Every structure is written in C-alpha cells, then in structure tokens.
C-alpha cells in the first residue's frame, strides 16, 4: 500500500496573545513576546489565516487537532520537506507492525 501525503508539512513560529486577569500595575518589562512553535500539515489558508493539523487520515481525509493562526501573528513559516522514500519506508514499517 503506497502512502502519498496530500498536505505539506510546516514549522510555524508565531507570537501568541497573552492574557492576565489579576489586579496589579502593569510594568513595561511584563510586556513581552509569547513565542510558540507549531509543526503539522498545512490544510487550509485564507488571506488572513492558516490552519495546521497535527493528524491526517489518508483514507477518510479527516484531520484532527487543528489550529487556526492569524497570519499577522506568524513570524516564520518553514516548509519541512519529507523525502517520499523515507515516508514510504516508515509507512511500510508501520504496516508490518499491524
């Protein structure tokens, strides 16, 4: 059984929003980046957002653990190339374990 990935894999670096619900005086040093990293399948994109899924079912084409990130929060987007022969080799190993 041949495995063909429908979606490309990306590493996303993005600056998340932060919230605080305490009563205190805001200090300038408390205002800082909240750098996050997400890796997964890029399953959707609009002018304003991308959607990354961590899980993809090739048979049903369902996805799971999706995250929608506004493009304005993305600081880096790097395509992670997975050599097809390596993907196929790992897929075959999984099939043997079944």
N, C-alpha and C. Protein backbone atom coordinates (compact mmCIF):
# COMPACT_ATOMS: atom_id res chain seq x y z
N UNK A 1 0.84 -1.18 0.00
CA UNK A 1 0.00 0.00 0.00
C UNK A 1 0.88 1.24 0.00
N UNK A 2 0.72 2.07 -0.99
CA UNK A 2 1.55 3.26 -1.12
C UNK A 2 0.95 4.40 -0.31
N UNK A 3 1.81 5.15 0.37
CA UNK A 3 1.36 6.31 1.15
C UNK A 3 1.74 7.58 0.41
N UNK A 4 0.79 8.42 0.16
CA UNK A 4 1.03 9.70 -0.51
C UNK A 4 0.44 10.79 0.37
N UNK A 5 1.29 11.70 0.85
CA UNK A 5 0.82 12.78 1.70
C UNK A 5 0.13 13.84 0.86
N UNK A 6 -1.10 14.18 1.23
CA UNK A 6 -1.88 15.17 0.50
C UNK A 6 -1.44 16.59 0.85
N UNK A 7 -0.99 16.79 2.09
CA UNK A 7 -0.65 18.13 2.57
C UNK A 7 0.83 18.24 2.87
N UNK A 8 1.35 19.44 2.70
CA UNK A 8 2.75 19.71 3.05
C UNK A 8 2.86 19.95 4.55
N UNK A 9 4.05 19.67 5.07
CA UNK A 9 4.32 19.85 6.49
C UNK A 9 5.09 21.16 6.69
N UNK A 10 4.70 21.90 7.72
CA UNK A 10 5.32 23.19 8.01
C UNK A 10 5.65 23.32 9.49
N UNK A 11 6.73 24.06 9.76
CA UNK A 11 7.07 24.50 11.11
C UNK A 11 6.70 25.98 11.16
N UNK A 12 5.84 26.34 12.10
CA UNK A 12 5.37 27.71 12.22
C UNK A 12 5.88 28.29 13.53
N UNK A 13 6.51 29.46 13.45
CA UNK A 13 6.86 30.22 14.65
C UNK A 13 5.89 31.38 14.70
N UNK A 14 5.24 31.56 15.86
CA UNK A 14 4.25 32.63 15.95
C UNK A 14 4.20 33.23 17.34
N UNK A 15 3.75 34.47 17.42
CA UNK A 15 3.67 35.21 18.66
C UNK A 15 2.23 35.14 19.16
N UNK A 16 2.02 34.38 20.22
CA UNK A 16 0.67 34.16 20.74
C UNK A 16 0.20 35.36 21.56
N UNK A 17 -1.11 35.50 21.67
CA UNK A 17 -1.69 36.51 22.54
C UNK A 17 -1.54 36.04 23.99
N UNK A 18 -1.47 37.00 24.91
CA UNK A 18 -1.36 36.66 26.33
C UNK A 18 -2.48 37.37 27.07
N UNK A 19 -2.93 36.77 28.15
CA UNK A 19 -3.98 37.37 28.98
C UNK A 19 -3.59 37.30 30.44
N UNK A 20 -4.12 38.26 31.21
CA UNK A 20 -3.88 38.30 32.64
C UNK A 20 -5.14 38.84 33.30
N UNK A 21 -5.60 38.19 34.33
CA UNK A 21 -6.84 38.62 34.98
C UNK A 21 -6.61 39.07 36.42
N UNK A 22 -5.39 39.45 36.74
CA UNK A 22 -5.10 39.86 38.12
C UNK A 22 -5.13 41.38 38.26
N UNK A 23 -5.33 41.83 39.50
CA UNK A 23 -5.32 43.27 39.80
C UNK A 23 -3.90 43.65 40.19
N UNK A 24 -3.23 44.37 39.32
CA UNK A 24 -1.88 44.85 39.60
C UNK A 24 -1.52 45.93 38.61
N UNK A 25 -0.45 46.59 38.87
CA UNK A 25 0.04 47.64 37.97
C UNK A 25 0.86 46.97 36.88
N UNK A 26 0.59 47.34 35.63
CA UNK A 26 1.35 46.77 34.51
C UNK A 26 2.72 47.44 34.45
N UNK A 27 3.76 46.62 34.43
CA UNK A 27 5.13 47.12 34.28
C UNK A 27 5.56 46.87 32.84
N UNK A 28 6.36 47.76 32.31
CA UNK A 28 6.81 47.64 30.92
C UNK A 28 7.54 46.32 30.68
N UNK A 29 8.31 45.84 31.66
CA UNK A 29 9.05 44.59 31.48
C UNK A 29 8.13 43.36 31.45
N UNK A 30 6.86 43.54 31.84
CA UNK A 30 5.90 42.43 31.75
C UNK A 30 5.34 42.26 30.33
N UNK A 31 5.56 43.24 29.49
CA UNK A 31 5.07 43.17 28.09
C UNK A 31 6.17 42.52 27.26
N UNK A 32 5.92 41.29 26.83
CA UNK A 32 6.94 40.54 26.10
C UNK A 32 6.28 39.59 25.12
N UNK A 33 7.09 39.07 24.22
CA UNK A 33 6.61 38.10 23.25
C UNK A 33 6.23 36.80 23.94
N UNK A 34 5.31 36.10 23.33
CA UNK A 34 4.95 34.76 23.77
C UNK A 34 5.15 33.84 22.56
N UNK A 35 6.43 33.55 22.30
CA UNK A 35 6.81 32.80 21.10
C UNK A 35 6.38 31.34 21.21
N UNK A 36 5.67 30.87 20.18
CA UNK A 36 5.19 29.49 20.12
C UNK A 36 5.68 28.84 18.83
N UNK A 37 5.78 27.52 18.86
CA UNK A 37 6.16 26.74 17.67
C UNK A 37 5.11 25.66 17.46
N UNK A 38 4.68 25.52 16.22
CA UNK A 38 3.71 24.50 15.83
C UNK A 38 4.23 23.81 14.58
N UNK A 39 4.14 22.49 14.55
CA UNK A 39 4.52 21.75 13.35
C UNK A 39 3.35 20.85 12.98
N UNK A 40 3.05 20.79 11.68
CA UNK A 40 1.95 19.95 11.23
C UNK A 40 1.66 20.14 9.77
N UNK A 41 0.52 19.59 9.36
CA UNK A 41 0.10 19.66 7.96
C UNK A 41 -0.66 20.96 7.72
N UNK A 42 -0.25 21.70 6.70
CA UNK A 42 -0.95 22.93 6.32
C UNK A 42 -2.17 22.51 5.50
N UNK A 43 -3.36 22.55 6.13
CA UNK A 43 -4.57 22.03 5.48
C UNK A 43 -5.48 23.13 4.94
N UNK A 44 -5.22 24.38 5.31
CA UNK A 44 -6.07 25.46 4.82
C UNK A 44 -5.37 26.79 4.96
N UNK A 45 -5.75 27.71 4.06
CA UNK A 45 -5.14 29.04 4.09
C UNK A 45 -6.09 30.03 3.44
N UNK A 46 -6.25 31.19 4.09
CA UNK A 46 -7.00 32.30 3.52
C UNK A 46 -6.08 33.50 3.50
N UNK A 47 -6.61 34.64 3.12
CA UNK A 47 -5.80 35.87 3.11
C UNK A 47 -5.32 36.22 4.52
N UNK A 48 -6.10 35.85 5.54
CA UNK A 48 -5.79 36.26 6.91
C UNK A 48 -5.30 35.15 7.83
N UNK A 49 -5.52 33.88 7.48
CA UNK A 49 -5.23 32.78 8.40
C UNK A 49 -4.60 31.59 7.69
N UNK A 50 -3.92 30.76 8.50
CA UNK A 50 -3.55 29.41 8.07
C UNK A 50 -4.17 28.43 9.06
N UNK A 51 -4.35 27.19 8.62
CA UNK A 51 -4.85 26.14 9.51
C UNK A 51 -3.88 24.97 9.42
N UNK A 52 -3.36 24.58 10.58
CA UNK A 52 -2.41 23.47 10.70
C UNK A 52 -3.11 22.34 11.44
N UNK A 53 -2.95 21.11 10.95
CA UNK A 53 -3.49 19.93 11.63
C UNK A 53 -2.34 19.02 12.00
N UNK A 54 -2.42 18.44 13.19
CA UNK A 54 -1.34 17.54 13.60
C UNK A 54 -1.57 16.12 13.10
N UNK A 55 -2.81 15.79 12.74
CA UNK A 55 -3.13 14.43 12.34
C UNK A 55 -3.97 14.45 11.06
N UNK A 56 -3.64 13.53 10.15
CA UNK A 56 -4.34 13.42 8.87
C UNK A 56 -4.60 11.94 8.59
N UNK A 57 -5.86 11.60 8.29
CA UNK A 57 -6.25 10.23 7.95
C UNK A 57 -6.36 10.14 6.44
N UNK A 58 -5.44 9.41 5.79
CA UNK A 58 -5.41 9.39 4.33
C UNK A 58 -6.62 8.69 3.72
N UNK A 59 -7.23 7.75 4.46
CA UNK A 59 -8.38 7.02 3.92
C UNK A 59 -9.64 7.89 3.90
N UNK A 60 -9.95 8.56 5.02
CA UNK A 60 -11.17 9.37 5.10
C UNK A 60 -10.92 10.83 4.76
N UNK A 61 -9.65 11.23 4.74
CA UNK A 61 -9.21 12.61 4.54
C UNK A 61 -9.65 13.52 5.69
N UNK A 62 -9.98 12.92 6.84
CA UNK A 62 -10.29 13.71 8.02
C UNK A 62 -9.00 14.21 8.65
N UNK A 63 -9.09 15.34 9.33
CA UNK A 63 -7.96 15.88 10.09
C UNK A 63 -8.39 16.07 11.53
N UNK A 64 -7.39 16.19 12.41
CA UNK A 64 -7.65 16.35 13.83
C UNK A 64 -6.62 17.29 14.42
N UNK A 65 -6.93 17.81 15.59
CA UNK A 65 -6.03 18.72 16.31
C UNK A 65 -5.62 19.89 15.42
N UNK A 66 -6.64 20.58 14.92
CA UNK A 66 -6.42 21.72 14.02
C UNK A 66 -6.19 23.00 14.82
N UNK A 67 -5.33 23.86 14.31
CA UNK A 67 -5.06 25.16 14.92
C UNK A 67 -5.10 26.22 13.83
N UNK A 68 -5.96 27.21 14.02
CA UNK A 68 -6.05 28.33 13.09
C UNK A 68 -5.22 29.48 13.66
N UNK A 69 -4.26 29.97 12.89
CA UNK A 69 -3.36 31.04 13.35
C UNK A 69 -3.52 32.24 12.42
N UNK A 70 -3.80 33.41 12.98
CA UNK A 70 -3.83 34.62 12.14
C UNK A 70 -2.44 34.89 11.55
N UNK A 71 -2.39 35.20 10.27
CA UNK A 71 -1.09 35.43 9.61
C UNK A 71 -0.31 36.57 10.24
N UNK A 72 -1.00 37.55 10.81
CA UNK A 72 -0.32 38.67 11.46
C UNK A 72 0.47 38.25 12.69
N UNK A 73 0.21 37.07 13.22
CA UNK A 73 0.92 36.57 14.40
C UNK A 73 2.10 35.67 14.03
N UNK A 74 2.19 35.30 12.75
CA UNK A 74 3.25 34.39 12.29
C UNK A 74 4.54 35.17 12.05
N UNK A 75 5.63 34.69 12.66
CA UNK A 75 6.92 35.34 12.48
C UNK A 75 7.82 34.56 11.51
N UNK A 76 7.62 33.22 11.43
CA UNK A 76 8.35 32.39 10.46
C UNK A 76 7.47 31.23 10.04
N UNK A 77 7.59 30.85 8.78
CA UNK A 77 6.86 29.70 8.25
C UNK A 77 7.83 28.93 7.36
N UNK A 78 8.23 27.75 7.81
CA UNK A 78 9.25 26.97 7.12
C UNK A 78 8.67 25.64 6.66
N UNK A 79 8.75 25.37 5.36
CA UNK A 79 8.28 24.10 4.83
C UNK A 79 9.27 23.01 5.23
N UNK A 80 8.76 21.93 5.78
CA UNK A 80 9.58 20.80 6.20
C UNK A 80 9.43 19.73 5.13
N UNK A 81 10.46 19.56 4.33
CA UNK A 81 10.41 18.57 3.26
C UNK A 81 10.67 17.18 3.82
N UNK A 82 9.71 16.31 3.58
CA UNK A 82 9.86 14.91 4.00
C UNK A 82 10.12 14.10 2.74
N UNK A 83 11.32 13.54 2.59
CA UNK A 83 11.61 12.74 1.40
C UNK A 83 10.61 11.60 1.25
N UNK A 84 10.00 11.49 0.07
CA UNK A 84 8.96 10.48 -0.15
C UNK A 84 9.43 9.07 0.16
N UNK A 85 10.70 8.76 -0.17
CA UNK A 85 11.18 7.41 0.10
C UNK A 85 11.26 7.13 1.60
N UNK A 86 11.57 8.16 2.41
CA UNK A 86 11.60 7.99 3.86
C UNK A 86 10.19 7.82 4.41
N UNK A 87 9.26 8.61 3.91
CA UNK A 87 7.87 8.49 4.35
C UNK A 87 7.36 7.09 4.01
N UNK A 88 7.65 6.63 2.81
CA UNK A 88 7.20 5.30 2.38
C UNK A 88 7.82 4.21 3.25
N UNK A 89 9.12 4.34 3.57
CA UNK A 89 9.81 3.35 4.40
C UNK A 89 9.18 3.29 5.79
N UNK A 90 8.91 4.44 6.40
CA UNK A 90 8.30 4.48 7.73
C UNK A 90 6.88 3.92 7.68
N UNK A 91 6.16 4.24 6.62
CA UNK A 91 4.79 3.73 6.46
C UNK A 91 4.80 2.20 6.35
N UNK A 92 5.72 1.65 5.60
CA UNK A 92 5.83 0.21 5.46
C UNK A 92 6.17 -0.46 6.79
N UNK A 93 7.01 0.18 7.60
CA UNK A 93 7.32 -0.36 8.92
C UNK A 93 6.07 -0.40 9.79
N UNK A 94 5.26 0.63 9.72
CA UNK A 94 4.02 0.66 10.49
C UNK A 94 3.08 -0.45 10.05
N UNK A 95 3.00 -0.68 8.74
CA UNK A 95 2.12 -1.73 8.22
C UNK A 95 2.55 -3.12 8.70
N UNK A 96 3.86 -3.34 8.80
CA UNK A 96 4.39 -4.64 9.27
C UNK A 96 4.03 -4.89 10.73
N UNK A 97 3.90 -3.82 11.51
CA UNK A 97 3.60 -3.97 12.93
C UNK A 97 2.14 -4.32 13.17
N UNK A 98 1.27 -4.14 12.20
CA UNK A 98 -0.16 -4.40 12.37
C UNK A 98 -0.47 -5.88 12.41
